[in-house]
Structure formats: structure tokens, C-alpha cells
Amino acid sequence: VLFSVRETKTENYESKSYYKAFSFDATNGKELKLKDLFLPGYEDSFK
């Protein structure tokens, strides 16, 4: 799931926009972090 968020301060109308994403293992409901998707030692190659 990808969320699109926009926050606006009511006193001065300053706003900011950003995104937040969540991914889950459908077999057990566990939240997935990036490292959960990869084999150990993936960082350099993926970078």
C-alpha cells in the first residue's frame, strides 16, 4: 500500500507532502522491511 500525505498547518497554511508505504507478507501478515526481500549482503549490489 502506498499512502500520499499532505499536511497543512491551519494557522499559516504552510504545507508539506510526502509518501509512506507498507508492504506485508500475505501468508502471515508480517510487515516487510527492505532487508526481508533480499539475501544477506545485498546492499552493495543493489546500491
ModelCIF file with pLDDT and N, C-alpha, C, O atoms, coordinates in Angstrom:
data_MODEL
#
_entry.id   MODEL 
#
_entity.id                         1 
_entity.type                       polymer 
_entity.pdbx_number_of_molecules   1 
#
_entity_poly.entity_id                      1 
_entity_poly.type                           'polypeptide(L)' 
_entity_poly.nstd_linkage                   no 
_entity_poly.nstd_monomer                   no 
_entity_poly.pdbx_seq_one_letter_code       VLFSVRETKTENYESKSYYKAFSFDATNGKELKLKDLFLPGYEDSFK 
_entity_poly.pdbx_seq_one_letter_code_can   VLFSVRETKTENYESKSYYKAFSFDATNGKELKLKDLFLPGYEDSFK 
_entity_poly.pdbx_strand_id                 A 
#
loop_
_entity_poly_seq.entity_id 
_entity_poly_seq.num 
_entity_poly_seq.mon_id 
_entity_poly_seq.hetero 
1 1  VAL n 
1 2  LEU n 
1 3  PHE n 
1 4  SER n 
1 5  VAL n 
1 6  ARG n 
1 7  GLU n 
1 8  THR n 
1 9  LYS n 
1 10 THR n 
1 11 GLU n 
1 12 ASN n 
1 13 TYR n 
1 14 GLU n 
1 15 SER n 
1 16 LYS n 
1 17 SER n 
1 18 TYR n 
1 19 TYR n 
1 20 LYS n 
1 21 ALA n 
1 22 PHE n 
1 23 SER n 
1 24 PHE n 
1 25 ASP n 
1 26 ALA n 
1 27 THR n 
1 28 ASN n 
1 29 GLY n 
1 30 LYS n 
1 31 GLU n 
1 32 LEU n 
1 33 LYS n 
1 34 LEU n 
1 35 LYS n 
1 36 ASP n 
1 37 LEU n 
1 38 PHE n 
1 39 LEU n 
1 40 PRO n 
1 41 GLY n 
1 42 TYR n 
1 43 GLU n 
1 44 ASP n 
1 45 SER n 
1 46 PHE n 
1 47 LYS n 
#
_struct_asym.id          A 
_struct_asym.entity_id   1 
#
loop_
_ma_qa_metric.id 
_ma_qa_metric.mode 
_ma_qa_metric.name 
_ma_qa_metric.software_group_id 
_ma_qa_metric.type 
1 global pLDDT . pLDDT 
2 local  pLDDT . pLDDT 
#
_ma_qa_metric_global.metric_id      1 
_ma_qa_metric_global.metric_value   96.23 
_ma_qa_metric_global.model_id       1 
_ma_qa_metric_global.ordinal_id     1 
#
loop_
_ma_qa_metric_local.label_asym_id 
_ma_qa_metric_local.label_comp_id 
_ma_qa_metric_local.label_seq_id 
_ma_qa_metric_local.metric_id 
_ma_qa_metric_local.metric_value 
_ma_qa_metric_local.model_id 
_ma_qa_metric_local.ordinal_id 
A VAL 1  2 98.00 1 1  
A LEU 2  2 98.00 1 2  
A PHE 3  2 98.00 1 3  
A SER 4  2 98.00 1 4  
A VAL 5  2 98.00 1 5  
A ARG 6  2 97.00 1 6  
A GLU 7  2 97.00 1 7  
A THR 8  2 97.00 1 8  
A LYS 9  2 95.00 1 9  
A THR 10 2 92.00 1 10 
A GLU 11 2 92.00 1 11 
A ASN 12 2 92.00 1 12 
A TYR 13 2 93.00 1 13 
A GLU 14 2 95.00 1 14 
A SER 15 2 94.00 1 15 
A LYS 16 2 94.00 1 16 
A SER 17 2 95.00 1 17 
A TYR 18 2 96.00 1 18 
A TYR 19 2 97.00 1 19 
A LYS 20 2 98.00 1 20 
A ALA 21 2 98.00 1 21 
A PHE 22 2 98.00 1 22 
A SER 23 2 98.00 1 23 
A PHE 24 2 98.00 1 24 
A ASP 25 2 98.00 1 25 
A ALA 26 2 96.00 1 26 
A THR 27 2 95.00 1 27 
A ASN 28 2 96.00 1 28 
A GLY 29 2 96.00 1 29 
A LYS 30 2 97.00 1 30 
A GLU 31 2 98.00 1 31 
A LEU 32 2 98.00 1 32 
A LYS 33 2 97.00 1 33 
A LEU 34 2 97.00 1 34 
A LYS 35 2 96.00 1 35 
A ASP 36 2 97.00 1 36 
A LEU 37 2 98.00 1 37 
A PHE 38 2 97.00 1 38 
A LEU 39 2 97.00 1 39 
A PRO 40 2 96.00 1 40 
A GLY 41 2 95.00 1 41 
A TYR 42 2 96.00 1 42 
A GLU 43 2 95.00 1 43 
A ASP 44 2 95.00 1 44 
A SER 45 2 96.00 1 45 
A PHE 46 2 96.00 1 46 
A LYS 47 2 95.00 1 47 
#
loop_
_atom_site.group_PDB 
_atom_site.id 
_atom_site.type_symbol 
_atom_site.label_atom_id 
_atom_site.label_alt_id 
_atom_site.label_comp_id 
_atom_site.label_asym_id 
_atom_site.label_entity_id 
_atom_site.label_seq_id 
_atom_site.pdbx_PDB_ins_code 
_atom_site.Cartn_x 
_atom_site.Cartn_y 
_atom_site.Cartn_z 
_atom_site.occupancy 
_atom_site.B_iso_or_equiv 
_atom_site.pdbx_formal_charge 
_atom_site.auth_seq_id 
_atom_site.auth_comp_id 
_atom_site.auth_asym_id 
_atom_site.auth_atom_id 
_atom_site.pdbx_PDB_model_num 
ATOM 1   N N  . VAL A 1 1  ? 0.849  -1.196  0.000  1.00 98.00 ? 1  VAL A N  1 
ATOM 2   C CA . VAL A 1 1  ? 0.000  0.000   0.000  1.00 98.00 ? 1  VAL A CA 1 
ATOM 3   C C  . VAL A 1 1  ? 0.883  1.243   0.000  1.00 98.00 ? 1  VAL A C  1 
ATOM 4   O O  . VAL A 1 1  ? 1.841  1.336   0.768  1.00 98.00 ? 1  VAL A O  1 
ATOM 5   N N  . LEU A 1 2  ? 0.551  2.197   -0.869 1.00 98.00 ? 2  LEU A N  1 
ATOM 6   C CA . LEU A 1 2  ? 1.264  3.474   -0.911 1.00 98.00 ? 2  LEU A CA 1 
ATOM 7   C C  . LEU A 1 2  ? 0.306  4.591   -0.507 1.00 98.00 ? 2  LEU A C  1 
ATOM 8   O O  . LEU A 1 2  ? -0.736 4.787   -1.134 1.00 98.00 ? 2  LEU A O  1 
ATOM 9   N N  . PHE A 1 3  ? 0.669  5.319   0.546  1.00 98.00 ? 3  PHE A N  1 
ATOM 10  C CA . PHE A 1 3  ? -0.118 6.461   1.002  1.00 98.00 ? 3  PHE A CA 1 
ATOM 11  C C  . PHE A 1 3  ? 0.490  7.754   0.487  1.00 98.00 ? 3  PHE A C  1 
ATOM 12  O O  . PHE A 1 3  ? 1.710  7.918   0.469  1.00 98.00 ? 3  PHE A O  1 
ATOM 13  N N  . SER A 1 4  ? -0.375 8.671   0.069  1.00 98.00 ? 4  SER A N  1 
ATOM 14  C CA . SER A 1 4  ? 0.022  10.022  -0.299 1.00 98.00 ? 4  SER A CA 1 
ATOM 15  C C  . SER A 1 4  ? -0.520 10.962  0.772  1.00 98.00 ? 4  SER A C  1 
ATOM 16  O O  . SER A 1 4  ? -1.726 11.007  1.015  1.00 98.00 ? 4  SER A O  1 
ATOM 17  N N  . VAL A 1 5  ? 0.375  11.712  1.411  1.00 98.00 ? 5  VAL A N  1 
ATOM 18  C CA . VAL A 1 5  ? 0.002  12.533  2.566  1.00 98.00 ? 5  VAL A CA 1 
ATOM 19  C C  . VAL A 1 5  ? 0.307  14.005  2.293  1.00 98.00 ? 5  VAL A C  1 
ATOM 20  O O  . VAL A 1 5  ? 1.390  14.358  1.826  1.00 98.00 ? 5  VAL A O  1 
ATOM 21  N N  . ARG A 1 6  ? -0.663 14.840  2.593  1.00 97.00 ? 6  ARG A N  1 
ATOM 22  C CA . ARG A 1 6  ? -0.451 16.290  2.541  1.00 97.00 ? 6  ARG A CA 1 
ATOM 23  C C  . ARG A 1 6  ? -0.921 16.879  3.867  1.00 97.00 ? 6  ARG A C  1 
ATOM 24  O O  . ARG A 1 6  ? -2.072 16.707  4.269  1.00 97.00 ? 6  ARG A O  1 
ATOM 25  N N  . GLU A 1 7  ? -0.001 17.578  4.539  1.00 97.00 ? 7  GLU A N  1 
ATOM 26  C CA . GLU A 1 7  ? -0.307 18.212  5.814  1.00 97.00 ? 7  GLU A CA 1 
ATOM 27  C C  . GLU A 1 7  ? -0.268 19.729  5.646  1.00 97.00 ? 7  GLU A C  1 
ATOM 28  O O  . GLU A 1 7  ? 0.683  20.276  5.088  1.00 97.00 ? 7  GLU A O  1 
ATOM 29  N N  . THR A 1 8  ? -1.310 20.403  6.132  1.00 97.00 ? 8  THR A N  1 
ATOM 30  C CA . THR A 1 8  ? -1.375 21.861  6.037  1.00 97.00 ? 8  THR A CA 1 
ATOM 31  C C  . THR A 1 8  ? -1.651 22.444  7.412  1.00 97.00 ? 8  THR A C  1 
ATOM 32  O O  . THR A 1 8  ? -2.649 22.107  8.048  1.00 97.00 ? 8  THR A O  1 
ATOM 33  N N  . LYS A 1 9  ? -0.755 23.330  7.873  1.00 95.00 ? 9  LYS A N  1 
ATOM 34  C CA . LYS A 1 9  ? -0.942 23.985  9.159  1.00 95.00 ? 9  LYS A CA 1 
ATOM 35  C C  . LYS A 1 9  ? -2.077 25.011  9.037  1.00 95.00 ? 9  LYS A C  1 
ATOM 36  O O  . LYS A 1 9  ? -2.075 25.836  8.123  1.00 95.00 ? 9  LYS A O  1 
ATOM 37  N N  . THR A 1 10 ? -3.024 24.956  9.943  1.00 92.00 ? 10 THR A N  1 
ATOM 38  C CA . THR A 1 10 ? -4.201 25.818  9.838  1.00 92.00 ? 10 THR A CA 1 
ATOM 39  C C  . THR A 1 10 ? -3.908 27.276  10.183 1.00 92.00 ? 10 THR A C  1 
ATOM 40  O O  . THR A 1 10 ? -4.629 28.168  9.734  1.00 92.00 ? 10 THR A O  1 
ATOM 41  N N  . GLU A 1 11 ? -2.848 27.539  10.986 1.00 92.00 ? 11 GLU A N  1 
ATOM 42  C CA . GLU A 1 11 ? -2.581 28.914  11.388 1.00 92.00 ? 11 GLU A CA 1 
ATOM 43  C C  . GLU A 1 11 ? -1.845 29.718  10.319 1.00 92.00 ? 11 GLU A C  1 
ATOM 44  O O  . GLU A 1 11 ? -2.030 30.932  10.230 1.00 92.00 ? 11 GLU A O  1 
ATOM 45  N N  . ASN A 1 12 ? -1.014 29.065  9.508  1.00 92.00 ? 12 ASN A N  1 
ATOM 46  C CA . ASN A 1 12 ? -0.251 29.804  8.495  1.00 92.00 ? 12 ASN A CA 1 
ATOM 47  C C  . ASN A 1 12 ? -0.319 29.183  7.101  1.00 92.00 ? 12 ASN A C  1 
ATOM 48  O O  . ASN A 1 12 ? 0.275  29.696  6.153  1.00 92.00 ? 12 ASN A O  1 
ATOM 49  N N  . TYR A 1 13 ? -1.044 28.080  6.988  1.00 93.00 ? 13 TYR A N  1 
ATOM 50  C CA . TYR A 1 13 ? -1.263 27.393  5.711  1.00 93.00 ? 13 TYR A CA 1 
ATOM 51  C C  . TYR A 1 13 ? 0.021  26.833  5.076  1.00 93.00 ? 13 TYR A C  1 
ATOM 52  O O  . TYR A 1 13 ? 0.049  26.533  3.883  1.00 93.00 ? 13 TYR A O  1 
ATOM 53  N N  . GLU A 1 14 ? 1.063  26.697  5.872  1.00 95.00 ? 14 GLU A N  1 
ATOM 54  C CA . GLU A 1 14 ? 2.250  26.016  5.367  1.00 95.00 ? 14 GLU A CA 1 
ATOM 55  C C  . GLU A 1 14 ? 1.920  24.535  5.183  1.00 95.00 ? 14 GLU A C  1 
ATOM 56  O O  . GLU A 1 14 ? 1.242  23.923  6.009  1.00 95.00 ? 14 GLU A O  1 
ATOM 57  N N  . SER A 1 15 ? 2.408  23.988  4.098  1.00 94.00 ? 15 SER A N  1 
ATOM 58  C CA . SER A 1 15 ? 2.065  22.592  3.822  1.00 94.00 ? 15 SER A CA 1 
ATOM 59  C C  . SER A 1 15 ? 3.286  21.794  3.373  1.00 94.00 ? 15 SER A C  1 
ATOM 60  O O  . SER A 1 15 ? 4.273  22.347  2.888  1.00 94.00 ? 15 SER A O  1 
ATOM 61  N N  . LYS A 1 16 ? 3.190  20.519  3.544  1.00 94.00 ? 16 LYS A N  1 
ATOM 62  C CA . LYS A 1 16 ? 4.206  19.609  3.051  1.00 94.00 ? 16 LYS A CA 1 
ATOM 63  C C  . LYS A 1 16 ? 3.533  18.330  2.577  1.00 94.00 ? 16 LYS A C  1 
ATOM 64  O O  . LYS A 1 16 ? 2.494  17.917  3.092  1.00 94.00 ? 16 LYS A O  1 
ATOM 65  N N  . SER A 1 17 ? 4.157  17.719  1.580  1.00 95.00 ? 17 SER A N  1 
ATOM 66  C CA . SER A 1 17 ? 3.619  16.479  1.011  1.00 95.00 ? 17 SER A CA 1 
ATOM 67  C C  . SER A 1 17 ? 4.691  15.396  1.063  1.00 95.00 ? 17 SER A C  1 
ATOM 68  O O  . SER A 1 17 ? 5.877  15.667  0.874  1.00 95.00 ? 17 SER A O  1 
ATOM 69  N N  . TYR A 1 18 ? 4.264  14.193  1.317  1.00 96.00 ? 18 TYR A N  1 
ATOM 70  C CA . TYR A 1 18 ? 5.203  13.074  1.343  1.00 96.00 ? 18 TYR A CA 1 
ATOM 71  C C  . TYR A 1 18 ? 4.442  11.762  1.149  1.00 96.00 ? 18 TYR A C  1 
ATOM 72  O O  . TYR A 1 18 ? 3.213  11.738  1.078  1.00 96.00 ? 18 TYR A O  1 
ATOM 73  N N  . TYR A 1 19 ? 5.202  10.680  1.067  1.00 97.00 ? 19 TYR A N  1 
ATOM 74  C CA . TYR A 1 19 ? 4.626  9.357   0.837  1.00 97.00 ? 19 TYR A CA 1 
ATOM 75  C C  . TYR A 1 19 ? 5.047  8.409   1.959  1.00 97.00 ? 19 TYR A C  1 
ATOM 76  O O  . TYR A 1 19 ? 6.101  8.562   2.577  1.00 97.00 ? 19 TYR A O  1 
ATOM 77  N N  . LYS A 1 20 ? 4.196  7.443   2.189  1.00 98.00 ? 20 LYS A N  1 
ATOM 78  C CA . LYS A 1 20 ? 4.502  6.386   3.142  1.00 98.00 ? 20 LYS A CA 1 
ATOM 79  C C  . LYS A 1 20 ? 3.972  5.074   2.578  1.00 98.00 ? 20 LYS A C  1 
ATOM 80  O O  . LYS A 1 20 ? 2.829  4.991   2.128  1.00 98.00 ? 20 LYS A O  1 
ATOM 81  N N  . ALA A 1 21 ? 4.812  4.061   2.611  1.00 98.00 ? 21 ALA A N  1 
ATOM 82  C CA . ALA A 1 21 ? 4.407  2.783   2.037  1.00 98.00 ? 21 ALA A CA 1 
ATOM 83  C C  . ALA A 1 21 ? 4.516  1.667   3.074  1.00 98.00 ? 21 ALA A C  1 
ATOM 84  O O  . ALA A 1 21 ? 5.364  1.698   3.966  1.00 98.00 ? 21 ALA A O  1 
ATOM 85  N N  . PHE A 1 22 ? 3.643  0.696   2.929  1.00 98.00 ? 22 PHE A N  1 
ATOM 86  C CA . PHE A 1 22 ? 3.679  -0.508  3.757  1.00 98.00 ? 22 PHE A CA 1 
ATOM 87  C C  . PHE A 1 22 ? 3.573  -1.723  2.844  1.00 98.00 ? 22 PHE A C  1 
ATOM 88  O O  . PHE A 1 22 ? 2.776  -1.742  1.906  1.00 98.00 ? 22 PHE A O  1 
ATOM 89  N N  . SER A 1 23 ? 4.381  -2.729  3.130  1.00 98.00 ? 23 SER A N  1 
ATOM 90  C CA . SER A 1 23 ? 4.283  -3.991  2.410  1.00 98.00 ? 23 SER A CA 1 
ATOM 91  C C  . SER A 1 23 ? 4.181  -5.123  3.425  1.00 98.00 ? 23 SER A C  1 
ATOM 92  O O  . SER A 1 23 ? 4.804  -5.075  4.486  1.00 98.00 ? 23 SER A O  1 
ATOM 93  N N  . PHE A 1 24 ? 3.394  -6.142  3.091  1.00 98.00 ? 24 PHE A N  1 
ATOM 94  C CA . PHE A 1 24 ? 3.141  -7.228  4.025  1.00 98.00 ? 24 PHE A CA 1 
ATOM 95  C C  . PHE A 1 24 ? 3.257  -8.587  3.338  1.00 98.00 ? 24 PHE A C  1 
ATOM 96  O O  . PHE A 1 24 ? 2.935  -8.747  2.161  1.00 98.00 ? 24 PHE A O  1 
ATOM 97  N N  . ASP A 1 25 ? 3.726  -9.548  4.113  1.00 98.00 ? 25 ASP A N  1 
ATOM 98  C CA . ASP A 1 25 ? 3.730  -10.940 3.675  1.00 98.00 ? 25 ASP A CA 1 
ATOM 99  C C  . ASP A 1 25 ? 2.281  -11.436 3.745  1.00 98.00 ? 25 ASP A C  1 
ATOM 100 O O  . ASP A 1 25 ? 1.681  -11.450 4.819  1.00 98.00 ? 25 ASP A O  1 
ATOM 101 N N  . ALA A 1 26 ? 1.730  -11.835 2.616  1.00 96.00 ? 26 ALA A N  1 
ATOM 102 C CA . ALA A 1 26 ? 0.320  -12.240 2.581  1.00 96.00 ? 26 ALA A CA 1 
ATOM 103 C C  . ALA A 1 26 ? 0.080  -13.568 3.292  1.00 96.00 ? 26 ALA A C  1 
ATOM 104 O O  . ALA A 1 26 ? -1.064 -13.898 3.603  1.00 96.00 ? 26 ALA A O  1 
ATOM 105 N N  . THR A 1 27 ? 1.128  -14.328 3.551  1.00 95.00 ? 27 THR A N  1 
ATOM 106 C CA . THR A 1 27 ? 0.951  -15.641 4.178  1.00 95.00 ? 27 THR A CA 1 
ATOM 107 C C  . THR A 1 27 ? 0.862  -15.567 5.702  1.00 95.00 ? 27 THR A C  1 
ATOM 108 O O  . THR A 1 27 ? 0.342  -16.483 6.339  1.00 95.00 ? 27 THR A O  1 
ATOM 109 N N  . ASN A 1 28 ? 1.373  -14.469 6.291  1.00 96.00 ? 28 ASN A N  1 
ATOM 110 C CA . ASN A 1 28 ? 1.344  -14.381 7.752  1.00 96.00 ? 28 ASN A CA 1 
ATOM 111 C C  . ASN A 1 28 ? 1.025  -12.981 8.291  1.00 96.00 ? 28 ASN A C  1 
ATOM 112 O O  . ASN A 1 28 ? 0.924  -12.797 9.504  1.00 96.00 ? 28 ASN A O  1 
ATOM 113 N N  . GLY A 1 29 ? 0.866  -11.995 7.402  1.00 96.00 ? 29 GLY A N  1 
ATOM 114 C CA . GLY A 1 29 ? 0.521  -10.644 7.832  1.00 96.00 ? 29 GLY A CA 1 
ATOM 115 C C  . GLY A 1 29 ? 1.677  -9.829  8.364  1.00 96.00 ? 29 GLY A C  1 
ATOM 116 O O  . GLY A 1 29 ? 1.474  -8.712  8.839  1.00 96.00 ? 29 GLY A O  1 
ATOM 117 N N  . LYS A 1 30 ? 2.894  -10.365 8.295  1.00 97.00 ? 30 LYS A N  1 
ATOM 118 C CA . LYS A 1 30 ? 4.066  -9.662  8.819  1.00 97.00 ? 30 LYS A CA 1 
ATOM 119 C C  . LYS A 1 30 ? 4.441  -8.499  7.916  1.00 97.00 ? 30 LYS A C  1 
ATOM 120 O O  . LYS A 1 30 ? 4.444  -8.626  6.692  1.00 97.00 ? 30 LYS A O  1 
ATOM 121 N N  . GLU A 1 31 ? 4.764  -7.343  8.541  1.00 98.00 ? 31 GLU A N  1 
ATOM 122 C CA . GLU A 1 31 ? 5.231  -6.201  7.759  1.00 98.00 ? 31 GLU A CA 1 
ATOM 123 C C  . GLU A 1 31 ? 6.624  -6.501  7.217  1.00 98.00 ? 31 GLU A C  1 
ATOM 124 O O  . GLU A 1 31 ? 7.484  -7.007  7.938  1.00 98.00 ? 31 GLU A O  1 
ATOM 125 N N  . LEU A 1 32 ? 6.838  -6.187  5.954  1.00 98.00 ? 32 LEU A N  1 
ATOM 126 C CA . LEU A 1 32 ? 8.112  -6.458  5.307  1.00 98.00 ? 32 LEU A CA 1 
ATOM 127 C C  . LEU A 1 32 ? 8.983  -5.210  5.272  1.00 98.00 ? 32 LEU A C  1 
ATOM 128 O O  . LEU A 1 32 ? 8.531  -4.135  4.878  1.00 98.00 ? 32 LEU A O  1 
ATOM 129 N N  . LYS A 1 33 ? 10.226 -5.362  5.685  1.00 97.00 ? 33 LYS A N  1 
ATOM 130 C CA . LYS A 1 33 ? 11.239 -4.339  5.513  1.00 97.00 ? 33 LYS A CA 1 
ATOM 131 C C  . LYS A 1 33 ? 12.042 -4.699  4.261  1.00 97.00 ? 33 LYS A C  1 
ATOM 132 O O  . LYS A 1 33 ? 11.977 -5.824  3.765  1.00 97.00 ? 33 LYS A O  1 
ATOM 133 N N  . LEU A 1 34 ? 12.795 -3.725  3.767  1.00 97.00 ? 34 LEU A N  1 
ATOM 134 C CA . LEU A 1 34 ? 13.542 -3.964  2.533  1.00 97.00 ? 34 LEU A CA 1 
ATOM 135 C C  . LEU A 1 34 ? 14.474 -5.160  2.671  1.00 97.00 ? 34 LEU A C  1 
ATOM 136 O O  . LEU A 1 34 ? 14.598 -5.957  1.741  1.00 97.00 ? 34 LEU A O  1 
ATOM 137 N N  . LYS A 1 35 ? 15.125 -5.293  3.810  1.00 96.00 ? 35 LYS A N  1 
ATOM 138 C CA . LYS A 1 35 ? 16.066 -6.389  4.010  1.00 96.00 ? 35 LYS A CA 1 
ATOM 139 C C  . LYS A 1 35 ? 15.387 -7.759  3.956  1.00 96.00 ? 35 LYS A C  1 
ATOM 140 O O  . LYS A 1 35 ? 16.030 -8.762  3.649  1.00 96.00 ? 35 LYS A O  1 
ATOM 141 N N  . ASP A 1 36 ? 14.084 -7.798  4.255  1.00 97.00 ? 36 ASP A N  1 
ATOM 142 C CA . ASP A 1 36 ? 13.358 -9.065  4.224  1.00 97.00 ? 36 ASP A CA 1 
ATOM 143 C C  . ASP A 1 36 ? 13.208 -9.611  2.813  1.00 97.00 ? 36 ASP A C  1 
ATOM 144 O O  . ASP A 1 36 ? 12.970 -10.804 2.624  1.00 97.00 ? 36 ASP A O  1 
ATOM 145 N N  . LEU A 1 37 ? 13.349 -8.733  1.821  1.00 98.00 ? 37 LEU A N  1 
ATOM 146 C CA . LEU A 1 37 ? 13.158 -9.145  0.430  1.00 98.00 ? 37 LEU A CA 1 
ATOM 147 C C  . LEU A 1 37 ? 14.413 -9.728  -0.183 1.00 98.00 ? 37 LEU A C  1 
ATOM 148 O O  . LEU A 1 37 ? 14.356 -10.399 -1.213 1.00 98.00 ? 37 LEU A O  1 
ATOM 149 N N  . PHE A 1 38 ? 15.559 -9.471  0.457  1.00 97.00 ? 38 PHE A N  1 
ATOM 150 C CA . PHE A 1 38 ? 16.847 -9.782  -0.155 1.00 97.00 ? 38 PHE A CA 1 
ATOM 151 C C  . PHE A 1 38 ? 17.631 -10.842 0.614  1.00 97.00 ? 38 PHE A C  1 
ATOM 152 O O  . PHE A 1 38 ? 17.403 -11.096 1.796  1.00 97.00 ? 38 PHE A O  1 
ATOM 153 N N  . LEU A 1 39 ? 18.556 -11.439 -0.110 1.00 97.00 ? 39 LEU A N  1 
ATOM 154 C CA . LEU A 1 39 ? 19.522 -12.332 0.504  1.00 97.00 ? 39 LEU A CA 1 
ATOM 155 C C  . LEU A 1 39 ? 20.542 -11.494 1.280  1.00 97.00 ? 39 LEU A C  1 
ATOM 156 O O  . LEU A 1 39 ? 20.733 -10.321 0.960  1.00 97.00 ? 39 LEU A O  1 
ATOM 157 N N  . PRO A 1 40 ? 21.196 -12.066 2.287  1.00 96.00 ? 40 PRO A N  1 
ATOM 158 C CA . PRO A 1 40 ? 22.203 -11.321 3.047  1.00 96.00 ? 40 PRO A CA 1 
ATOM 159 C C  . PRO A 1 40 ? 23.308 -10.779 2.135  1.00 96.00 ? 40 PRO A C  1 
ATOM 160 O O  . PRO A 1 40 ? 23.718 -11.434 1.177  1.00 96.00 ? 40 PRO A O  1 
ATOM 161 N N  . GLY A 1 41 ? 23.778 -9.572  2.452  1.00 95.00 ? 41 GLY A N  1 
ATOM 162 C CA . GLY A 1 41 ? 24.870 -8.977  1.694  1.00 95.00 ? 41 GLY A CA 1 
ATOM 163 C C  . GLY A 1 41 ? 24.461 -8.322  0.389  1.00 95.00 ? 41 GLY A C  1 
ATOM 164 O O  . GLY A 1 41 ? 25.291 -8.115  -0.495 1.00 95.00 ? 41 GLY A O  1 
ATOM 165 N N  . TYR A 1 42 ? 23.171 -7.993  0.267  1.00 96.00 ? 42 TYR A N  1 
ATOM 166 C CA . TYR A 1 42 ? 22.645 -7.427  -0.977 1.00 96.00 ? 42 TYR A CA 1 
ATOM 167 C C  . TYR A 1 42 ? 22.985 -5.962  -1.178 1.00 96.00 ? 42 TYR A C  1 
ATOM 168 O O  . TYR A 1 42 ? 22.908 -5.458  -2.299 1.00 96.00 ? 42 TYR A O  1 
ATOM 169 N N  . GLU A 1 43 ? 23.360 -5.268  -0.107 1.00 95.00 ? 43 GLU A N  1 
ATOM 170 C CA . GLU A 1 43 ? 23.400 -3.803  -0.115 1.00 95.00 ? 43 GLU A CA 1 
ATOM 171 C C  . GLU A 1 43 ? 24.263 -3.218  -1.234 1.00 95.00 ? 43 GLU A C  1 
ATOM 172 O O  . GLU A 1 43 ? 23.796 -2.363  -1.986 1.00 95.00 ? 43 GLU A O  1 
ATOM 173 N N  . ASP A 1 44 ? 25.495 -3.659  -1.350 1.00 95.00 ? 44 ASP A N  1 
ATOM 174 C CA . ASP A 1 44 ? 26.397 -3.060  -2.342 1.00 95.00 ? 44 ASP A CA 1 
ATOM 175 C C  . ASP A 1 44 ? 25.901 -3.265  -3.767 1.00 95.00 ? 44 ASP A C  1 
ATOM 176 O O  . ASP A 1 44 ? 25.939 -2.343  -4.581 1.00 95.00 ? 44 ASP A O  1 
ATOM 177 N N  . SER A 1 45 ? 25.441 -4.465  -4.064 1.00 96.00 ? 45 SER A N  1 
ATOM 178 C CA . SER A 1 45 ? 24.962 -4.765  -5.419 1.00 96.00 ? 45 SER A CA 1 
ATOM 179 C C  . SER A 1 45 ? 23.701 -3.976  -5.747 1.00 96.00 ? 45 SER A C  1 
ATOM 180 O O  . SER A 1 45 ? 23.543 -3.487  -6.865 1.00 96.00 ? 45 SER A O  1 
ATOM 181 N N  . PHE A 1 46 ? 22.807 -3.853  -4.776 1.00 96.00 ? 46 PHE A N  1 
ATOM 182 C CA . PHE A 1 46 ? 21.572 -3.127  -5.037 1.00 96.00 ? 46 PHE A CA 1 
ATOM 183 C C  . PHE A 1 46 ? 21.838 -1.629  -5.136 1.00 96.00 ? 46 PHE A C  1 
ATOM 184 O O  . PHE A 1 46 ? 21.228 -0.940  -5.954 1.00 96.00 ? 46 PHE A O  1 
ATOM 185 N N  . LYS A 1 47 ? 22.744 -1.126  -4.305 1.00 95.00 ? 47 LYS A N  1 
ATOM 186 C CA . LYS A 1 47 ? 23.113 0.284   -4.392 1.00 95.00 ? 47 LYS A CA 1 
ATOM 187 C C  . LYS A 1 47 ? 23.690 0.592   -5.767 1.00 95.00 ? 47 LYS A C  1 
ATOM 188 O O  . LYS A 1 47 ? 24.061 1.734   -6.039 1.00 95.00 ? 47 LYS A O  1 
#
